[in-house]
Amino acid sequence: MDISFLGGPAPQRGVGVVAPFDFALDRELWRWVPDEVSLHMTRTPFVPVEVGLDLARLVSEHETLEEATRTLNAIAPEVVAYACTSGSFVGGIAGERAMCEAMTRAGATPSVTTSGALLEALAELGVRRVALVTPYTVSVTRALEEYVAQAGVAVTGCAFMGLTRHIWKVGYREVADMAHRAVPRPGAADALFISCTNLATYDVIPSWRPSCASRCSRPTK
């Protein structure tokens, strides 16, 4: 009997996601992908360190990335994405590229990171001036500014929260308020980037609407 009329799930394309151990917003990532894409999540091992430069370096060590990527090999995703913004910009552009190479070696699969995707988005949009919003401490935020500057993009405004934990608990309103502080008037920046995959940003729509290279990840770390 032909029961094709009942429908069913469409063929799925797999995306492997390597997230830091404290990532708490799986559902928000799912909201960003179409129905035919499945996210296959894995996490880095727990380390008892608060959010900061030390944690960013620990969760982005090549051995850690390779081990996490190997846990995804059995399901053969088409690409592996590293979903930690601070972990992928803390080593600069050269460090981000080396991370992708390490993940690709471990899975024989193309690999991307949130911070690498940020630079690709800025280039695609022709952005030369960007405003930044982060939940980070000043030192981590400065590292993001330096990373963007390495790509030849000027930072025109910045707002950060100085958090070292529980970033995923920051509300949408607080993120929107920071966006307005980072871009106080229309035209002050070509784009806004809200940093950190552990910061909820799906429903943040500032009243001014610049080109938005936002959210290759949420704010924190």
C-alpha atoms as a PDB file:
ATOM      1  CA  MET A   1       0.000   0.000   0.000  1.00  0.00           C
ATOM      2  CA  ASP A   2       1.300   3.440  -0.926  1.00  0.00           C
ATOM      3  CA  ILE A   3       1.450   5.610   2.189  1.00  0.00           C
ATOM      4  CA  SER A   4       3.665   8.351   0.778  1.00  0.00           C
ATOM      5  CA  PHE A   5       0.794  10.804   1.276  1.00  0.00           C
ATOM      6  CA  LEU A   6       1.458  10.612   5.018  1.00  0.00           C
ATOM      7  CA  GLY A   7       4.682  12.501   4.481  1.00  0.00           C
ATOM      8  CA  GLY A   8       7.481  12.139   7.005  1.00  0.00           C
ATOM      9  CA  PRO A   9      10.801  13.746   7.792  1.00  0.00           C
ATOM     10  CA  ALA A  10      12.743  15.170   4.870  1.00  0.00           C
ATOM     11  CA  PRO A  11      16.209  13.774   4.131  1.00  0.00           C
ATOM     12  CA  GLN A  12      18.600  15.279   6.647  1.00  0.00           C
ATOM     13  CA  ARG A  13      21.985  16.945   6.227  1.00  0.00           C
ATOM     14  CA  GLY A  14      24.192  16.715   9.293  1.00  0.00           C
ATOM     15  CA  VAL A  15      26.211  19.514  10.893  1.00  0.00           C
ATOM     16  CA  GLY A  16      28.529  18.529  13.711  1.00  0.00           C
ATOM     17  CA  VAL A  17      28.834  21.100  16.494  1.00  0.00           C
ATOM     18  CA  VAL A  18      31.702  21.163  18.980  1.00  0.00           C
ATOM     19  CA  ALA A  19      30.542  23.354  21.867  1.00  0.00           C
ATOM     20  CA  PRO A  20      32.307  24.297  25.097  1.00  0.00           C
ATOM     21  CA  PHE A  21      31.250  22.354  28.194  1.00  0.00           C
ATOM     22  CA  ASP A  22      29.235  25.308  29.569  1.00  0.00           C
ATOM     23  CA  PHE A  23      27.146  25.843  26.442  1.00  0.00           C
ATOM     24  CA  ALA A  24      23.502  25.946  27.532  1.00  0.00           C
ATOM     25  CA  LEU A  25      21.532  27.177  24.514  1.00  0.00           C
ATOM     26  CA  ASP A  26      21.166  24.140  22.244  1.00  0.00           C
ATOM     27  CA  ARG A  27      17.589  25.060  21.400  1.00  0.00           C
ATOM     28  CA  GLU A  28      18.581  28.493  20.115  1.00  0.00           C
ATOM     29  CA  LEU A  29      21.067  26.973  17.685  1.00  0.00           C
ATOM     30  CA  TRP A  30      18.292  24.775  16.308  1.00  0.00           C
ATOM     31  CA  ARG A  31      16.227  27.909  15.627  1.00  0.00           C
ATOM     32  CA  TRP A  32      18.888  29.100  13.194  1.00  0.00           C
ATOM     33  CA  VAL A  33      18.868  26.051  10.914  1.00  0.00           C
ATOM     34  CA  PRO A  34      16.298  24.918   8.317  1.00  0.00           C
ATOM     35  CA  ASP A  35      14.196  21.787   8.781  1.00  0.00           C
ATOM     36  CA  GLU A  36      16.411  19.652   6.558  1.00  0.00           C
ATOM     37  CA  VAL A  37      19.480  20.214   8.754  1.00  0.00           C
ATOM     38  CA  SER A  38      20.227  18.213  11.907  1.00  0.00           C
ATOM     39  CA  LEU A  39      22.712  19.462  14.496  1.00  0.00           C
ATOM     40  CA  HIS A  40      24.872  16.778  16.086  1.00  0.00           C
ATOM     41  CA  MET A  41      26.195  18.262  19.332  1.00  0.00           C
ATOM     42  CA  THR A  42      29.239  17.334  21.359  1.00  0.00           C
ATOM     43  CA  ARG A  43      31.033  19.205  24.142  1.00  0.00           C
ATOM     44  CA  THR A  44      34.571  19.770  25.331  1.00  0.00           C
ATOM     45  CA  PRO A  45      35.569  18.307  28.733  1.00  0.00           C
ATOM     46  CA  PHE A  46      34.742  20.294  31.864  1.00  0.00           C
ATOM     47  CA  VAL A  47      37.473  22.470  33.354  1.00  0.00           C
ATOM     48  CA  PRO A  48      37.002  24.351  36.665  1.00  0.00           C
ATOM     49  CA  VAL A  49      37.854  27.789  35.255  1.00  0.00           C
ATOM     50  CA  GLU A  50      35.679  30.901  35.061  1.00  0.00           C
ATOM     51  CA  VAL A  51      34.907  32.544  31.735  1.00  0.00           C
ATOM     52  CA  GLY A  52      37.965  34.482  30.655  1.00  0.00           C
ATOM     53  CA  LEU A  53      41.088  34.255  28.508  1.00  0.00           C
ATOM     54  CA  ASP A  54      42.344  31.125  30.312  1.00  0.00           C
ATOM     55  CA  LEU A  55      39.101  29.257  29.658  1.00  0.00           C
ATOM     56  CA  ALA A  56      39.042  30.397  26.027  1.00  0.00           C
ATOM     57  CA  ARG A  57      42.519  28.925  25.547  1.00  0.00           C
ATOM     58  CA  LEU A  58      41.691  25.671  27.342  1.00  0.00           C
ATOM     59  CA  VAL A  59      38.543  24.881  25.341  1.00  0.00           C
ATOM     60  CA  SER A  60      40.326  25.568  22.065  1.00  0.00           C
ATOM     61  CA  GLU A  61      43.417  23.389  22.528  1.00  0.00           C
ATOM     62  CA  HIS A  62      44.018  21.276  19.440  1.00  0.00           C
ATOM     63  CA  GLU A  63      43.982  17.984  21.347  1.00  0.00           C
ATOM     64  CA  THR A  64      40.609  18.895  22.840  1.00  0.00           C
ATOM     65  CA  LEU A  65      39.184  19.848  19.442  1.00  0.00           C
ATOM     66  CA  GLU A  66      40.466  16.699  17.758  1.00  0.00           C
ATOM     67  CA  GLU A  67      39.008  14.443  20.455  1.00  0.00           C
ATOM     68  CA  ALA A  68      35.613  16.177  20.270  1.00  0.00           C
ATOM     69  CA  THR A  69      35.587  15.981  16.466  1.00  0.00           C
ATOM     70  CA  ARG A  70      36.324  12.251  16.529  1.00  0.00           C
ATOM     71  CA  THR A  71      33.178  11.652  18.594  1.00  0.00           C
ATOM     72  CA  LEU A  72      31.210  12.877  15.568  1.00  0.00           C
ATOM     73  CA  ASN A  73      32.943  10.778  12.924  1.00  0.00           C
ATOM     74  CA  ALA A  74      30.588   7.799  13.197  1.00  0.00           C
ATOM     75  CA  ILE A  75      27.621   9.884  12.049  1.00  0.00           C
ATOM     76  CA  ALA A  76      29.624  11.549   9.249  1.00  0.00           C
ATOM     77  CA  PRO A  77      28.418  15.179   9.356  1.00  0.00           C
ATOM     78  CA  GLU A  78      29.010  17.228   6.206  1.00  0.00           C
ATOM     79  CA  VAL A  79      30.806  19.935   8.185  1.00  0.00           C
ATOM     80  CA  VAL A  80      31.952  20.492  11.767  1.00  0.00           C
ATOM     81  CA  ALA A  81      31.432  23.868  13.440  1.00  0.00           C
ATOM     82  CA  TYR A  82      33.231  25.012  16.573  1.00  0.00           C
ATOM     83  CA  ALA A  83      30.634  26.985  18.530  1.00  0.00           C
ATOM     84  CA  CYS A  84      32.687  29.065  20.927  1.00  0.00           C
ATOM     85  CA  THR A  85      33.412  32.608  19.859  1.00  0.00           C
ATOM     86  CA  SER A  86      36.081  33.536  22.388  1.00  0.00           C
ATOM     87  CA  GLY A  87      37.777  30.166  21.996  1.00  0.00           C
ATOM     88  CA  SER A  88      38.146  30.793  18.276  1.00  0.00           C
ATOM     89  CA  PHE A  89      39.388  34.401  18.382  1.00  0.00           C
ATOM     90  CA  VAL A  90      41.723  34.183  21.388  1.00  0.00           C
ATOM     91  CA  GLY A  91      44.609  33.004  19.195  1.00  0.00           C
ATOM     92  CA  GLY A  92      44.075  35.589  16.473  1.00  0.00           C
ATOM     93  CA  ILE A  93      43.495  34.821  12.816  1.00  0.00           C
ATOM     94  CA  ALA A  94      46.396  32.380  12.639  1.00  0.00           C
ATOM     95  CA  GLY A  95      45.111  30.537  15.709  1.00  0.00           C
ATOM     96  CA  GLU A  96      41.598  30.264  14.258  1.00  0.00           C
ATOM     97  CA  ARG A  97      42.913  28.785  11.034  1.00  0.00           C
ATOM     98  CA  ALA A  98      45.031  26.277  12.942  1.00  0.00           C
ATOM     99  CA  MET A  99      41.940  25.193  14.901  1.00  0.00           C
ATOM    100  CA  CYS A 100      40.056  24.464  11.678  1.00  0.00           C
ATOM    101  CA  GLU A 101      42.990  22.451  10.387  1.00  0.00           C
ATOM    102  CA  ALA A 102      43.108  20.412  13.618  1.00  0.00           C
ATOM    103  CA  MET A 103      39.387  19.576  13.422  1.00  0.00           C
ATOM    104  CA  THR A 104      39.617  18.698   9.749  1.00  0.00           C
ATOM    105  CA  ARG A 105      42.537  16.360  10.419  1.00  0.00           C
ATOM    106  CA  ALA A 106      40.502  14.574  13.083  1.00  0.00           C
ATOM    107  CA  GLY A 107      37.370  14.165  10.958  1.00  0.00           C
ATOM    108  CA  ALA A 108      38.389  14.481   7.314  1.00  0.00           C
ATOM    109  CA  THR A 109      35.509  16.968   7.126  1.00  0.00           C
ATOM    110  CA  PRO A 110      35.445  20.705   6.366  1.00  0.00           C
ATOM    111  CA  SER A 111      35.540  22.699   9.597  1.00  0.00           C
ATOM    112  CA  VAL A 112      34.533  26.222  10.555  1.00  0.00           C
ATOM    113  CA  THR A 113      34.466  28.340  13.706  1.00  0.00           C
ATOM    114  CA  THR A 114      32.198  31.121  14.880  1.00  0.00           C
ATOM    115  CA  SER A 115      34.952  33.729  14.740  1.00  0.00           C
ATOM    116  CA  GLY A 116      36.093  32.575  11.319  1.00  0.00           C
ATOM    117  CA  ALA A 117      32.479  32.840  10.135  1.00  0.00           C
ATOM    118  CA  LEU A 118      32.376  36.378  11.529  1.00  0.00           C
ATOM    119  CA  LEU A 119      35.255  37.507   9.323  1.00  0.00           C
ATOM    120  CA  GLU A 120      33.702  35.797   6.293  1.00  0.00           C
ATOM    121  CA  ALA A 121      30.395  37.582   6.970  1.00  0.00           C
ATOM    122  CA  LEU A 122      32.078  40.977   7.342  1.00  0.00           C
ATOM    123  CA  ALA A 123      33.956  40.466   4.071  1.00  0.00           C
ATOM    124  CA  GLU A 124      30.811  39.288   2.258  1.00  0.00           C
ATOM    125  CA  LEU A 125      28.893  42.364   3.443  1.00  0.00           C
ATOM    126  CA  GLY A 126      31.754  44.744   2.690  1.00  0.00           C
ATOM    127  CA  VAL A 127      31.840  45.899   6.323  1.00  0.00           C
ATOM    128  CA  ARG A 128      34.782  48.123   7.283  1.00  0.00           C
ATOM    129  CA  ARG A 129      33.376  49.472  10.576  1.00  0.00           C
ATOM    130  CA  VAL A 130      31.801  47.213  13.185  1.00  0.00           C
ATOM    131  CA  ALA A 131      30.324  47.675  16.650  1.00  0.00           C
ATOM    132  CA  LEU A 132      30.740  44.911  19.230  1.00  0.00           C
ATOM    133  CA  VAL A 133      28.543  43.646  22.056  1.00  0.00           C
ATOM    134  CA  THR A 134      29.949  41.045  24.440  1.00  0.00           C
ATOM    135  CA  PRO A 135      29.182  39.534  27.837  1.00  0.00           C
ATOM    136  CA  TYR A 136      32.969  39.198  28.391  1.00  0.00           C
ATOM    137  CA  THR A 137      35.468  40.767  30.736  1.00  0.00           C
ATOM    138  CA  VAL A 138      37.491  43.681  29.414  1.00  0.00           C
ATOM    139  CA  SER A 139      40.499  41.468  28.593  1.00  0.00           C
ATOM    140  CA  VAL A 140      38.449  39.024  26.494  1.00  0.00           C
ATOM    141  CA  THR A 141      36.645  41.884  24.761  1.00  0.00           C
ATOM    142  CA  ARG A 142      39.994  43.481  23.895  1.00  0.00           C
ATOM    143  CA  ALA A 143      41.107  40.177  22.375  1.00  0.00           C
ATOM    144  CA  LEU A 144      38.023  40.259  20.115  1.00  0.00           C
ATOM    145  CA  GLU A 145      38.809  43.839  19.093  1.00  0.00           C
ATOM    146  CA  GLU A 146      42.363  42.798  18.185  1.00  0.00           C
ATOM    147  CA  TYR A 147      41.077  39.834  16.181  1.00  0.00           C
ATOM    148  CA  VAL A 148      38.744  42.032  14.139  1.00  0.00           C
ATOM    149  CA  ALA A 149      41.496  44.603  13.639  1.00  0.00           C
ATOM    150  CA  GLN A 150      43.762  41.895  12.186  1.00  0.00           C
ATOM    151  CA  ALA A 151      41.198  41.554   9.395  1.00  0.00           C
ATOM    152  CA  GLY A 152      41.389  45.288   8.678  1.00  0.00           C
ATOM    153  CA  VAL A 153      38.014  46.130  10.238  1.00  0.00           C
ATOM    154  CA  ALA A 154      37.718  49.136  12.563  1.00  0.00           C
ATOM    155  CA  VAL A 155      35.780  48.852  15.832  1.00  0.00           C
ATOM    156  CA  THR A 156      33.625  51.978  16.170  1.00  0.00           C
ATOM    157  CA  GLY A 157      31.815  51.122  19.391  1.00  0.00           C
ATOM    158  CA  CYS A 158      31.759  48.469  22.081  1.00  0.00           C
ATOM    159  CA  ALA A 159      29.623  47.433  25.040  1.00  0.00           C
ATOM    160  CA  PHE A 160      30.517  44.585  27.395  1.00  0.00           C
ATOM    161  CA  MET A 161      29.169  43.137  30.636  1.00  0.00           C
ATOM    162  CA  GLY A 162      32.242  41.809  32.444  1.00  0.00           C
ATOM    163  CA  LEU A 163      30.656  38.430  33.199  1.00  0.00           C
ATOM    164  CA  THR A 164      32.676  35.386  34.238  1.00  0.00           C
ATOM    165  CA  ARG A 165      29.820  32.869  34.528  1.00  0.00           C
ATOM    166  CA  HIS A 166      26.139  32.171  33.752  1.00  0.00           C
ATOM    167  CA  ILE A 167      26.191  34.114  30.497  1.00  0.00           C
ATOM    168  CA  TRP A 168      23.283  32.103  29.108  1.00  0.00           C
ATOM    169  CA  LYS A 169      21.031  33.701  31.738  1.00  0.00           C
ATOM    170  CA  VAL A 170      21.380  37.184  30.235  1.00  0.00           C
ATOM    171  CA  GLY A 171      18.002  38.340  28.912  1.00  0.00           C
ATOM    172  CA  TYR A 172      17.172  39.646  25.427  1.00  0.00           C
ATOM    173  CA  ARG A 173      16.413  43.126  26.761  1.00  0.00           C
ATOM    174  CA  GLU A 174      19.874  43.441  28.284  1.00  0.00           C
ATOM    175  CA  VAL A 175      21.470  42.429  24.985  1.00  0.00           C
ATOM    176  CA  ALA A 176      19.351  44.945  23.069  1.00  0.00           C
ATOM    177  CA  ASP A 177      20.297  47.691  25.537  1.00  0.00           C
ATOM    178  CA  MET A 178      23.981  46.923  24.976  1.00  0.00           C
ATOM    179  CA  ALA A 179      23.437  47.053  21.227  1.00  0.00           C
ATOM    180  CA  HIS A 180      22.074  50.578  21.522  1.00  0.00           C
ATOM    181  CA  ARG A 181      25.062  51.626  23.649  1.00  0.00           C
ATOM    182  CA  ALA A 182      27.493  50.192  21.113  1.00  0.00           C
ATOM    183  CA  VAL A 183      25.715  51.933  18.224  1.00  0.00           C
ATOM    184  CA  PRO A 184      24.243  55.116  19.745  1.00  0.00           C
ATOM    185  CA  ARG A 185      23.102  56.592  16.421  1.00  0.00           C
ATOM    186  CA  PRO A 186      22.325  55.376  12.889  1.00  0.00           C
ATOM    187  CA  GLY A 187      25.393  55.208  10.691  1.00  0.00           C
ATOM    188  CA  ALA A 188      27.822  54.902  13.596  1.00  0.00           C
ATOM    189  CA  ALA A 189      28.809  51.445  12.313  1.00  0.00           C
ATOM    190  CA  ASP A 190      28.302  49.371   9.184  1.00  0.00           C
ATOM    191  CA  ALA A 191      27.325  46.322  11.233  1.00  0.00           C
ATOM    192  CA  LEU A 192      26.840  45.029  14.754  1.00  0.00           C
ATOM    193  CA  PHE A 193      28.387  41.804  16.043  1.00  0.00           C
ATOM    194  CA  ILE A 194      26.920  40.227  19.169  1.00  0.00           C
ATOM    195  CA  SER A 195      29.604  37.874  20.409  1.00  0.00           C
ATOM    196  CA  CYS A 196      29.334  34.564  22.230  1.00  0.00           C
ATOM    197  CA  THR A 197      27.320  31.489  21.372  1.00  0.00           C
ATOM    198  CA  ASN A 198      26.170  31.261  24.987  1.00  0.00           C
ATOM    199  CA  LEU A 199      24.328  34.582  24.758  1.00  0.00           C
ATOM    200  CA  ALA A 200      20.720  34.442  23.575  1.00  0.00           C
ATOM    201  CA  THR A 201      20.354  36.700  20.513  1.00  0.00           C
ATOM    202  CA  TYR A 202      17.794  35.112  18.195  1.00  0.00           C
ATOM    203  CA  ASP A 203      15.063  37.628  19.013  1.00  0.00           C
ATOM    204  CA  VAL A 204      17.284  40.700  19.429  1.00  0.00           C
ATOM    205  CA  ILE A 205      16.255  43.150  16.685  1.00  0.00           C
ATOM    206  CA  PRO A 206      17.623  46.666  17.349  1.00  0.00           C
ATOM    207  CA  SER A 207      15.355  49.499  16.249  1.00  0.00           C
ATOM    208  CA  TRP A 208      18.085  50.827  13.942  1.00  0.00           C
ATOM    209  CA  ARG A 209      18.831  48.182  11.332  1.00  0.00           C
ATOM    210  CA  PRO A 210      22.405  48.254  10.035  1.00  0.00           C
ATOM    211  CA  SER A 211      23.776  45.411   7.984  1.00  0.00           C
ATOM    212  CA  CYS A 212      23.986  42.671  10.557  1.00  0.00           C
ATOM    213  CA  ALA A 213      26.927  40.300  10.659  1.00  0.00           C
ATOM    214  CA  SER A 214      25.604  39.404  14.063  1.00  0.00           C
ATOM    215  CA  ARG A 215      25.737  36.196  15.926  1.00  0.00           C
ATOM    216  CA  CYS A 216      28.210  33.757  14.606  1.00  0.00           C
ATOM    217  CA  SER A 217      27.811  32.987  18.173  1.00  0.00           C
ATOM    218  CA  ARG A 218      26.349  34.732  21.248  1.00  0.00           C
ATOM    219  CA  PRO A 219      28.182  36.778  23.759  1.00  0.00           C
ATOM    220  CA  THR A 220      30.366  35.392  26.606  1.00  0.00           C
ATOM    221  CA  LYS A 221      33.619  33.721  27.163  1.00  0.00           C
END
